[in-house]
Protein backbone atom coordinates (compact mmCIF):
# COMPACT_ATOMS: atom_id res chain seq x y z
CA MET A 1 -4.04 -10.12 -18.69
CA LEU A 2 -4.20 -6.42 -17.89
CA GLN A 3 -4.32 -4.36 -21.08
CA ASN A 4 -4.37 -0.73 -19.94
CA ARG A 5 -2.04 1.46 -17.92
CA SER A 6 -3.62 3.20 -14.95
CA GLU A 7 -2.75 5.58 -12.12
CA LEU A 8 -3.80 5.59 -8.48
CA LEU A 9 -4.29 8.44 -6.03
CA PHE A 10 -5.09 7.44 -2.45
CA LEU A 11 -5.75 9.72 0.52
CA TYR A 12 -6.29 8.58 4.10
CA ASP A 13 -5.93 10.25 7.47
CA VAL A 14 -4.92 9.35 11.02
CA GLN A 15 -5.78 10.92 14.36
CA TRP A 16 -3.61 10.53 17.45
CA ALA A 17 -1.77 7.61 15.94
CA ASN A 18 1.56 6.60 14.43
CA PRO A 19 1.01 5.75 10.76
CA ASN A 20 4.54 4.46 10.17
CA GLY A 21 7.20 4.36 12.89
CA ASP A 22 10.92 4.60 12.15
CA PRO A 23 12.62 1.69 13.97
CA VAL A 24 16.00 3.46 14.02
CA ASP A 25 14.54 6.62 15.60
CA GLU A 26 12.62 5.42 18.68
CA ASN A 27 9.77 4.30 16.38
CA LYS A 28 8.75 7.94 15.91
CA PRO A 29 6.46 8.81 13.00
CA ARG A 30 8.61 9.62 9.97
CA ILE A 31 8.79 13.38 9.34
CA ASP A 32 10.64 15.31 6.64
CA GLU A 33 12.86 17.71 8.60
CA GLU A 34 12.78 20.32 5.83
CA THR A 35 8.99 20.52 5.29
CA GLY A 36 7.59 19.09 8.53
CA ARG A 37 5.46 16.71 6.50
CA ASN A 38 4.71 13.15 7.56
CA ILE A 39 6.27 10.37 5.45
CA VAL A 40 4.84 6.86 5.08
CA THR A 41 6.80 4.22 3.18
CA ASP A 42 5.35 2.28 0.27
CA VAL A 43 6.32 -0.86 2.23
CA ARG A 44 3.80 0.10 4.95
CA LEU A 45 1.00 0.49 2.40
CA LYS A 46 1.89 -2.80 0.70
CA ARG A 47 1.81 -4.56 4.09
CA THR A 48 -1.71 -3.20 4.67
CA ILE A 49 -2.77 -4.45 1.25
CA ARG A 50 -1.19 -7.88 1.68
CA ASP A 51 -2.72 -8.46 5.10
CA TYR A 52 -6.20 -7.55 3.90
CA LEU A 53 -5.92 -9.74 0.81
CA TYR A 54 -4.80 -12.70 2.92
CA ASP A 55 -7.01 -12.25 6.00
CA TYR A 56 -10.22 -10.97 4.42
CA CYS A 57 -10.14 -11.99 0.75
CA HIS A 58 -8.52 -15.42 1.30
CA GLN A 59 -5.86 -14.74 -1.32
CA GLU A 60 -2.46 -16.41 -1.02
CA ILE A 61 0.47 -14.02 -0.59
CA PHE A 62 4.15 -14.79 -0.82
CA VAL A 63 5.42 -12.24 1.70
CA ARG A 64 4.09 -13.40 5.04
CA GLU A 65 5.66 -14.64 8.24
CA ILE A 66 5.64 -18.44 8.46
CA ALA A 67 7.32 -20.43 11.22
CA GLY A 68 8.58 -23.97 10.67
CA GLU A 69 8.26 -26.90 13.05
CA ASN A 70 11.28 -25.62 15.00
CA GLU A 71 9.49 -22.23 15.35
CA TYR A 72 12.16 -20.48 13.28
CA ILE A 73 10.75 -18.07 10.70
CA GLN A 74 11.16 -19.13 7.09
CA ASP A 75 13.74 -17.37 4.96
CA ALA A 76 13.09 -16.52 1.30
CA LYS A 77 14.66 -19.76 0.03
CA MET A 78 12.45 -21.91 2.25
CA ARG A 79 9.38 -19.90 1.31
CA ALA A 80 10.14 -20.32 -2.40
CA GLU A 81 10.33 -24.09 -1.97
CA ASP A 82 6.77 -24.09 -0.61
CA PHE A 83 5.82 -23.68 -4.27
CA LEU A 84 7.92 -26.56 -5.55
CA VAL A 85 4.79 -28.62 -6.09
CA LYS A 86 2.94 -30.43 -8.85
CA ASP A 87 -0.70 -31.46 -8.65
CA GLY A 88 -0.66 -30.53 -4.96
CA GLU A 89 2.28 -32.80 -4.15
CA LYS A 90 5.64 -31.56 -2.85
CA LEU A 91 8.50 -32.37 -5.24
CA ASP A 92 11.95 -33.65 -4.27
CA LYS A 93 14.42 -31.03 -5.49
CA SER A 94 17.26 -33.57 -5.57
CA LYS A 95 15.46 -35.23 -8.50
CA LEU A 96 15.09 -31.97 -10.43
CA SER A 97 17.52 -29.78 -12.31
CA LEU A 98 17.98 -26.18 -11.17
CA ALA A 99 16.22 -24.99 -14.33
CA GLU A 100 13.25 -27.25 -13.60
CA MET A 101 13.07 -25.94 -10.02
CA LYS A 102 13.01 -22.35 -11.28
CA ARG A 103 10.32 -23.04 -13.84
CA ILE A 104 8.01 -24.85 -11.43
CA ILE A 105 8.45 -22.36 -8.58
CA ASN A 106 7.98 -19.40 -10.92
CA GLU A 107 4.80 -20.81 -12.45
CA GLU A 108 3.28 -21.72 -9.08
CA ILE A 109 4.14 -18.41 -7.39
CA LEU A 110 2.61 -16.38 -10.22
CA ARG A 111 -0.46 -18.62 -10.25
CA GLN A 112 -1.02 -18.61 -6.49
CA CYS A 113 0.36 -15.35 -5.06
CA ILE A 114 -1.52 -12.15 -5.79
CA ASP A 115 1.12 -9.97 -4.10
CA VAL A 116 3.77 -11.22 -6.55
CA ARG A 117 1.47 -10.47 -9.48
CA LEU A 118 0.95 -6.97 -8.04
CA PHE A 119 4.30 -5.98 -6.53
CA GLY A 120 6.81 -8.38 -8.06
CA VAL A 121 9.44 -10.40 -6.21
CA THR A 122 13.12 -11.20 -5.98
CA LEU A 123 13.87 -14.58 -4.44
CA PRO A 124 16.81 -16.96 -4.29
CA ILE A 125 16.56 -20.52 -5.64
CA GLU A 126 19.00 -23.09 -4.26
CA LYS A 127 19.25 -26.73 -5.30
CA ASN A 128 22.43 -27.29 -3.30
CA ALA A 129 25.49 -25.36 -2.10
CA LYS A 130 26.92 -25.21 -5.63
CA GLU A 131 23.79 -24.77 -7.74
CA LYS A 132 22.06 -21.48 -7.04
CA SER A 133 20.00 -18.97 -9.00
CA SER A 134 17.21 -16.44 -8.50
CA ILE A 135 13.85 -15.29 -9.85
CA THR A 136 13.09 -11.59 -10.32
CA HIS A 137 9.84 -9.96 -11.37
CA THR A 138 9.37 -6.18 -11.48
CA GLY A 139 6.04 -5.33 -9.91
CA PRO A 140 3.44 -3.75 -12.21
CA VAL A 141 2.12 -1.73 -9.24
CA GLN A 142 4.57 0.85 -7.94
CA PHE A 143 3.90 3.47 -5.27
CA LYS A 144 5.86 6.56 -4.36
CA MET A 145 6.49 7.23 -0.69
CA GLY A 146 3.32 8.60 0.89
CA GLN A 147 3.44 12.15 2.21
CA SER A 148 1.03 14.28 4.21
CA LEU A 149 -0.46 17.28 2.40
CA HIS A 150 0.45 19.53 5.33
CA ALA A 151 3.06 19.95 8.05
CA VAL A 152 2.33 17.84 11.14
CA LYS A 153 2.93 18.15 14.87
CA LEU A 154 4.75 15.42 16.78
CA GLU A 155 3.34 14.72 20.26
CA TYR A 156 5.15 12.81 22.99
CA ILE A 157 2.95 10.80 25.35
CA LYS A 158 4.08 9.08 28.53
CA GLY A 159 2.06 6.85 30.82
CA THR A 160 2.21 3.95 33.23
CA GLY A 161 2.01 0.29 32.28
CA ALA A 162 -0.17 -2.39 33.83
CA PHE A 163 2.65 -4.45 35.36
CA ALA A 164 5.41 -3.95 37.90
CA SER A 165 8.84 -2.96 36.65
CA GLY A 166 10.30 -6.23 38.01
CA SER A 167 9.75 -9.19 40.28
CA GLY A 168 8.98 -8.04 43.84
CA MET A 169 8.75 -4.40 42.78
CA MET A 170 5.95 -2.04 43.81
CA GLN A 171 6.39 0.51 41.03
CA LYS A 172 4.75 0.02 37.64
CA THR A 173 6.61 0.31 34.36
CA PHE A 174 6.42 3.48 32.30
CA ARG A 175 5.52 3.55 28.64
CA GLU A 176 6.23 6.30 26.15
CA GLU A 177 5.25 6.85 22.55
CA TYR A 178 5.16 9.43 19.79
CA VAL A 179 1.97 10.12 17.83
CA LEU A 180 0.58 12.61 15.34
CA PRO A 181 -2.63 14.43 16.34
CA TYR A 182 -3.55 14.51 12.65
CA SER A 183 -2.11 13.65 9.25
CA LEU A 184 -3.76 13.49 5.83
CA ILE A 185 -1.52 11.23 3.75
CA ALA A 186 -1.44 11.00 -0.05
CA PHE A 187 -0.08 8.04 -2.00
CA TYR A 188 0.49 8.06 -5.75
CA GLY A 189 0.94 4.91 -7.81
CA VAL A 190 1.18 3.58 -11.36
CA ILE A 191 0.01 0.22 -12.71
CA ASN A 192 2.28 -0.65 -15.62
CA GLU A 193 0.62 -2.85 -18.24
CA THR A 194 3.98 -3.92 -19.70
CA ALA A 195 5.21 -5.42 -16.43
CA ALA A 196 1.73 -6.89 -15.88
CA ALA A 197 2.24 -9.14 -18.88
CA TYR A 198 5.19 -10.82 -17.13
CA THR A 199 3.51 -11.32 -13.74
CA LYS A 200 0.15 -12.24 -15.33
CA LEU A 201 -1.68 -9.48 -13.48
CA THR A 202 -5.41 -9.37 -14.24
CA GLU A 203 -8.13 -6.75 -13.95
CA GLU A 204 -9.68 -8.88 -11.20
CA ASP A 205 -6.40 -8.59 -9.27
CA VAL A 206 -6.49 -4.81 -9.64
CA GLN A 207 -10.07 -4.65 -8.35
CA LEU A 208 -8.94 -6.64 -5.31
CA LEU A 209 -6.09 -4.15 -4.89
CA PHE A 210 -8.58 -1.26 -4.99
CA ASP A 211 -10.70 -2.96 -2.33
CA ALA A 212 -7.64 -3.74 -0.17
CA MET A 213 -6.33 -0.17 -0.26
CA TRP A 214 -9.65 1.20 0.99
CA ASN A 215 -10.88 -1.50 3.35
CA GLY A 216 -7.43 -2.68 4.41
CA THR A 217 -6.70 0.82 5.69
CA LYS A 218 -10.07 0.97 7.44
CA ASN A 219 -9.55 -2.44 9.03
CA LEU A 220 -6.01 -1.77 10.20
CA ILE A 221 -7.10 -1.83 13.83
CA SER A 222 -4.13 -1.92 16.17
CA ARG A 223 -3.11 0.33 19.06
CA SER A 224 -0.80 2.45 16.91
CA LYS A 225 -2.94 2.42 13.75
CA ALA A 226 -6.55 2.59 15.01
CA GLY A 227 -8.37 5.59 13.62
CA GLN A 228 -7.06 5.46 10.06
CA ILE A 229 -9.83 6.43 7.65
CA PRO A 230 -9.66 6.26 3.84
CA ARG A 231 -10.89 9.55 2.36
CA LEU A 232 -10.37 9.34 -1.40
CA LEU A 233 -9.28 6.60 -3.80
CA LEU A 234 -9.10 7.35 -7.50
CA ARG A 235 -7.94 5.23 -10.43
CA ILE A 236 -7.52 6.65 -13.93
CA VAL A 237 -7.59 3.93 -16.60
CA TYR A 238 -6.09 4.96 -19.93
CA LYS A 239 -6.92 3.79 -23.43
CA GLU A 240 -3.75 5.15 -25.03
CA LYS A 241 -0.83 2.73 -24.74
CA HIS A 242 2.13 3.65 -22.53
CA PHE A 243 0.57 6.98 -21.48
CA HIS A 244 -0.17 8.40 -18.05
CA ILE A 245 -0.49 11.93 -16.64
CA GLY A 246 1.98 11.42 -13.79
CA GLU A 247 2.36 12.70 -10.21
CA LEU A 248 -1.37 13.06 -9.52
CA ASP A 249 -0.59 13.92 -5.91
CA LYS A 250 0.88 17.25 -7.10
CA TYR A 251 -2.51 18.33 -8.48
CA ILE A 252 -4.22 18.46 -5.07
CA SER A 253 -3.69 20.66 -2.00
CA LEU A 254 -5.32 21.66 1.29
CA HIS A 255 -6.99 24.99 2.01
CA SER A 256 -7.52 25.70 5.71
CA GLU A 257 -7.98 28.72 7.95
CA LYS A 258 -5.81 26.95 10.50
CA VAL A 259 -2.06 26.67 10.61
CA ASP A 260 -1.01 23.25 9.26
CA GLU A 261 0.10 21.91 12.64
CA GLU A 262 -3.25 22.90 14.21
CA ILE A 263 -5.36 20.75 11.84
CA ARG A 264 -7.08 18.03 13.84
CA ASP A 265 -9.91 16.73 11.67
CA VAL A 266 -11.07 16.35 8.07
CA SER A 267 -13.57 19.15 8.76
CA ASP A 268 -10.71 21.64 9.28
CA TYR A 269 -9.95 22.06 5.58
CA ILE A 270 -11.13 21.84 1.98
CA LEU A 271 -9.32 19.64 -0.51
CA ASP A 272 -8.59 21.65 -3.65
CA THR A 273 -9.25 19.24 -6.52
CA ALA A 274 -9.58 21.83 -9.32
CA PRO A 275 -6.09 21.30 -10.83
CA LEU A 276 -6.63 17.51 -10.80
CA ILE A 277 -9.97 17.82 -12.55
CA ARG A 278 -8.56 20.26 -15.13
CA VAL A 279 -5.67 17.98 -16.07
CA MET A 280 -8.03 15.02 -16.49
CA GLU A 281 -10.31 17.15 -18.67
CA LYS A 282 -7.30 18.13 -20.77
CA GLN A 283 -6.36 14.48 -21.32
CA LYS A 284 -9.92 13.10 -21.56
CA GLU A 285 -9.41 11.69 -25.06
CA LYS A 286 -6.76 9.38 -23.63
CA ILE A 287 -8.84 8.28 -20.62
CA GLU A 288 -11.05 5.19 -20.79
CA ARG A 289 -12.65 5.65 -17.37
CA VAL A 290 -12.12 6.92 -13.84
CA GLU A 291 -12.92 4.73 -10.84
CA ILE A 292 -13.49 6.60 -7.61
CA LYS A 293 -14.43 6.02 -3.98
CA LYS A 294 -14.88 8.99 -1.65
CA ASN A 295 -15.59 9.36 2.05
CA ASP A 296 -18.67 11.51 2.75
CA ARG A 297 -16.87 13.73 5.28
CA LEU A 298 -14.21 14.87 2.83
CA VAL A 299 -15.11 18.28 1.40
CA CYS A 300 -13.63 19.10 -2.00
CA SER A 301 -13.45 22.43 -3.80
CA GLU A 302 -15.30 20.81 -6.73
CA ASP A 303 -17.44 17.72 -7.02
CA ILE A 304 -15.00 15.38 -8.78
CA ILE A 305 -17.65 12.92 -9.96
CA GLU A 306 -20.03 15.49 -11.42
CA SER A 307 -17.22 17.55 -12.98
CA LEU A 308 -15.79 14.51 -14.77
CA LYS A 309 -19.22 13.38 -15.97
CA THR A 310 -19.92 16.88 -17.29
CA ALA A 311 -16.60 16.74 -19.17
CA GLY A 312 -17.70 13.48 -20.79
CA ILE A 313 -15.28 11.23 -18.88
CA PRO A 314 -16.84 7.87 -17.89
CA VAL A 315 -16.91 7.50 -14.08
CA GLU A 316 -17.42 4.37 -12.00
CA VAL A 317 -18.34 5.15 -8.39
CA LYS A 318 -17.22 2.32 -6.13
C-alpha cells in the first residue's frame, strides 16, 4: 500500500480548442467572469486519465460507458453487479445476503478497478426492492478545479457543414463553436496516504496515474481537444506523515510582454518557478523526493531540476 503523502502540479496548454465545454452554456469553454481565466473541471481531467488507463494501459476502470444487450447504457447498480463474481464466475444474488453482496463487490472492485483505487466511488447495491445499501470510498487522489494562469480570449467560429440542411434542400447546414486561441491550465492535486489504505492504492497505481496525466493529455486527439500539450508535471513525495505544502499552483505565475489575452504560444511567456523552488527548499527536510517531467519548449525563470539538486532534494526526471 501507499505509505507517503504526495502533491501534484500539472500544467498543460491548448491552442484553438475547447478544453472543457459547459453543456448548459452552448458548450462554451468555462471562463471565470471575474478574472477572465479559463476553468477546467477535475471531472474532465479524471476522464482523460481513465480513458488512457483503459485504452492504452489495459487497466480496468469502473466508470465507463457500457451498453447491455438491449443497447441501454448500464446504470451504477448494473455496473456494480458486474463485479459480483467468484473465481471468474457470475454469482446469483438471490442466493446471497445483502452483506455478502457488498463484501464481494467491494473486494472485486478494489482489486480490479484502478480508477476506484485512485478516485474512490459511491455506488448503490440492491438485492431486491426492499434490501438496498451502498458502498462509498473517498478517493486518495483529489484535484482542485483547473484554472489558466492568465486571462483568456473567447473566439466564436462559424462555418458550413458537409451535408444539406434537410432532405431535398440545396443549402448546407451551418456549424458554430467557441474556442480559446490559447490557455495554459494548471491543476493541483493531493494524494492522501490515509485514504489510500482503504482503497488499497499502490505506488504502481500512482506511477500509472503520472503516466496517464502526461500521455493521456497528449493523446486526447479529438476535434475539440486536439492540440493539448503537457508542459510540466511535478510530484512531491513527503517523508513526514500527514504533511504537505499545499496549493502548489499558487507558487507559479506567468511573465509576458504581451497582454494576457494576446498570448498564443508557450514561447510568449516565462513561467516564474522561483517561489515554488524556494518553498520546496524551505521544506526539504520533509521531502523524500520530487518526480518531474517537463516539456522542452517551456521556459522557466529557474531550472527546477538543477535548483532542487543543488538544494540537496532528490529528483527523479521522468
